[in-house]
Amino acid sequence: MDKPVLFCYDGSDGSKTALAAAVDLIKPGDAVVLVVWMPASIQLARAGSLLVAVPNEGELDEQEQAAAREIAEEGAAGARERGYNASARIAEATESVARTIDEIAQEIDAALVVCGQRGRGPIGSALLGSVSHALASHAKRPVLIAPQHPS
């Protein structure tokens, strides 16, 4: 594969399973392991909070960004252990995680976007959204979605 694979990674079992599943399906090559983080104010707004100002917002955002960086490095290390030439990357989502992933995939000219599935069920997905569903529906690149618990 001449173009990189974009791994969507959040440290969950689903994202780890997706990374492992890709090795069985795709010859390892260049890869970017992406963790998308969202500012505290946007997270609260999406959860329905009526707070106008977020106490310590800058500090909370720095913590989110630092955690995302650590998780991305962990994911890139896991990809490298599986033979990929992987780099870690983080991105801030100001609208939706899926849209941010799609934008990064376009930017790096990804051959494939790989993501896991948390399996929240219909109610959880309706309330919290589903990144994998949004990617499958709207991404401009091919998407591989691996189930959290493969059979």
Protein backbone atom coordinates (compact mmCIF):
# COMPACT_ATOMS: atom_id res chain seq x y z
CA MET A 1 0.00 0.00 0.00
CA ASP A 2 1.57 3.29 -1.10
CA LYS A 3 -0.60 5.51 1.10
CA PRO A 4 -0.72 5.43 4.89
CA VAL A 5 -3.37 3.74 6.99
CA LEU A 6 -5.09 6.00 9.52
CA PHE A 7 -5.83 4.23 12.78
CA CYS A 8 -8.48 5.89 14.94
CA TYR A 9 -7.36 5.16 18.46
CA ASP A 10 -8.66 6.01 21.90
CA GLY A 11 -7.08 3.29 24.03
CA SER A 12 -10.34 1.33 24.27
CA ASP A 13 -10.57 -2.39 23.69
CA GLY A 14 -12.35 -1.63 20.42
CA SER A 15 -9.52 0.49 19.07
CA LYS A 16 -6.92 -2.07 20.16
CA THR A 17 -8.91 -4.84 18.45
CA ALA A 18 -9.14 -2.77 15.26
CA LEU A 19 -5.39 -2.25 15.21
CA ALA A 20 -4.78 -5.98 15.67
CA ALA A 21 -7.41 -6.92 13.06
CA ALA A 22 -5.82 -4.66 10.46
CA VAL A 23 -2.57 -6.62 10.64
CA ASP A 24 -4.42 -9.76 9.58
CA LEU A 25 -5.98 -7.95 6.60
CA ILE A 26 -3.46 -5.32 5.48
CA LYS A 27 0.25 -5.65 4.88
CA PRO A 28 1.93 -3.31 7.38
CA GLY A 29 3.35 -0.10 5.94
CA ASP A 30 3.12 3.56 6.82
CA ALA A 31 0.48 4.46 9.39
CA VAL A 32 -0.74 7.34 11.49
CA VAL A 33 -2.34 6.60 14.85
CA LEU A 34 -4.80 9.42 15.55
CA VAL A 35 -6.39 10.39 18.83
CA VAL A 36 -9.01 13.11 18.64
CA TRP A 37 -9.68 15.18 21.74
CA MET A 38 -12.42 17.69 22.40
CA PRO A 39 -12.22 20.88 24.49
CA ALA A 40 -14.07 20.82 27.82
CA SER A 41 -16.55 23.52 26.80
CA ILE A 42 -17.62 21.51 23.74
CA GLN A 43 -17.88 18.29 25.73
CA LEU A 44 -20.11 19.99 28.27
CA ALA A 45 -22.25 21.65 25.60
CA ARG A 46 -22.75 18.32 23.82
CA ALA A 47 -23.75 16.75 27.14
CA GLY A 48 -26.42 19.42 27.60
CA SER A 49 -24.67 21.47 30.26
CA LEU A 50 -25.95 24.98 30.81
CA LEU A 51 -22.65 26.27 32.17
CA VAL A 52 -21.70 29.48 30.44
CA ALA A 53 -18.11 29.48 31.67
CA VAL A 54 -16.08 26.37 32.41
CA PRO A 55 -13.93 26.71 35.53
CA ASN A 56 -10.26 26.05 34.73
CA GLU A 57 -11.15 25.43 31.08
CA GLY A 58 -7.60 26.00 29.84
CA GLU A 59 -6.19 23.60 32.41
CA LEU A 60 -8.79 20.96 31.58
CA ASP A 61 -8.03 21.30 27.87
CA GLU A 62 -4.29 20.96 28.53
CA GLN A 63 -4.99 17.76 30.48
CA GLU A 64 -7.18 16.40 27.67
CA GLN A 65 -4.50 17.22 25.11
CA ALA A 66 -1.75 15.62 27.22
CA ALA A 67 -3.84 12.48 27.75
CA ALA A 68 -4.55 12.31 24.00
CA ARG A 69 -0.84 12.60 23.23
CA GLU A 70 -0.02 9.77 25.66
CA ILE A 71 -2.73 7.52 24.21
CA ALA A 72 -1.58 8.28 20.65
CA GLU A 73 1.99 7.34 21.54
CA GLU A 74 0.74 4.10 23.12
CA GLY A 75 -1.23 3.29 19.97
CA ALA A 76 1.69 4.12 17.66
CA ALA A 77 3.94 1.87 19.75
CA GLY A 78 1.39 -0.95 19.39
CA ALA A 79 1.25 -0.42 15.64
CA ARG A 80 5.05 -0.45 15.39
CA GLU A 81 5.12 -3.73 17.37
CA ARG A 82 2.86 -5.13 14.64
CA GLY A 83 5.20 -4.03 11.84
CA TYR A 84 3.79 -0.64 10.88
CA ASN A 85 5.95 2.44 10.35
CA ALA A 86 3.60 4.37 12.64
CA SER A 87 3.58 7.90 13.95
CA ALA A 88 1.35 9.33 16.65
CA ARG A 89 -0.89 12.31 16.02
CA ILE A 90 -3.53 14.16 17.97
CA ALA A 91 -6.22 16.51 16.70
CA GLU A 92 -8.71 18.79 18.38
CA ALA A 93 -12.35 18.30 17.38
CA THR A 94 -14.45 21.44 17.43
CA GLU A 95 -17.47 19.93 15.68
CA SER A 96 -17.44 16.14 15.65
CA VAL A 97 -14.84 13.46 16.13
CA ALA A 98 -15.84 11.70 12.91
CA ARG A 99 -15.54 14.90 10.87
CA THR A 100 -12.09 15.56 12.34
CA ILE A 101 -10.98 12.01 11.50
CA ASP A 102 -12.27 12.40 7.94
CA GLU A 103 -10.43 15.73 7.55
CA ILE A 104 -7.15 14.20 8.76
CA ALA A 105 -7.66 11.20 6.44
CA GLN A 106 -8.03 13.60 3.52
CA GLU A 107 -5.02 15.65 4.64
CA ILE A 108 -2.66 12.66 4.81
CA ASP A 109 -4.22 11.00 1.75
CA ALA A 110 -4.99 7.85 3.77
CA ALA A 111 -5.64 4.69 1.80
CA LEU A 112 -7.85 3.37 4.60
CA VAL A 113 -9.33 4.52 7.90
CA VAL A 114 -9.40 1.83 10.58
CA CYS A 115 -11.55 2.17 13.68
CA GLY A 116 -13.05 0.03 16.37
CA GLN A 117 -16.56 -0.23 17.61
CA ARG A 118 -17.53 0.14 21.22
CA GLY A 119 -20.85 -1.64 20.94
CA ARG A 120 -22.83 0.80 23.07
CA GLY A 121 -26.10 -0.52 21.68
CA PRO A 122 -28.91 1.47 20.06
CA ILE A 123 -29.73 3.69 23.05
CA GLY A 124 -26.11 4.50 23.90
CA SER A 125 -25.31 5.26 20.29
CA ALA A 126 -28.37 7.47 19.95
CA LEU A 127 -27.46 9.45 23.05
CA LEU A 128 -23.68 9.55 22.67
CA GLY A 129 -23.30 9.21 18.92
CA SER A 130 -21.25 6.66 17.10
CA VAL A 131 -17.97 7.63 15.49
CA SER A 132 -17.76 4.37 13.55
CA HIS A 133 -21.31 4.77 12.23
CA ALA A 134 -20.66 8.38 11.19
CA LEU A 135 -17.42 7.37 9.46
CA ALA A 136 -19.10 4.52 7.62
CA SER A 137 -21.84 6.88 6.47
CA HIS A 138 -19.88 10.01 5.60
CA ALA A 139 -16.16 9.38 5.21
CA LYS A 140 -14.54 10.19 1.89
CA ARG A 141 -12.07 7.30 2.30
CA PRO A 142 -12.60 3.55 2.70
CA VAL A 143 -13.30 2.60 6.31
CA LEU A 144 -12.59 -0.68 8.10
CA ILE A 145 -14.67 -1.09 11.27
CA ALA A 146 -13.63 -3.92 13.55
CA PRO A 147 -16.05 -5.21 16.20
CA GLN A 148 -14.89 -4.84 19.78
CA HIS A 149 -15.14 -8.56 20.42
CA PRO A 150 -14.38 -10.43 17.19
CA SER A 151 -15.77 -13.94 16.97
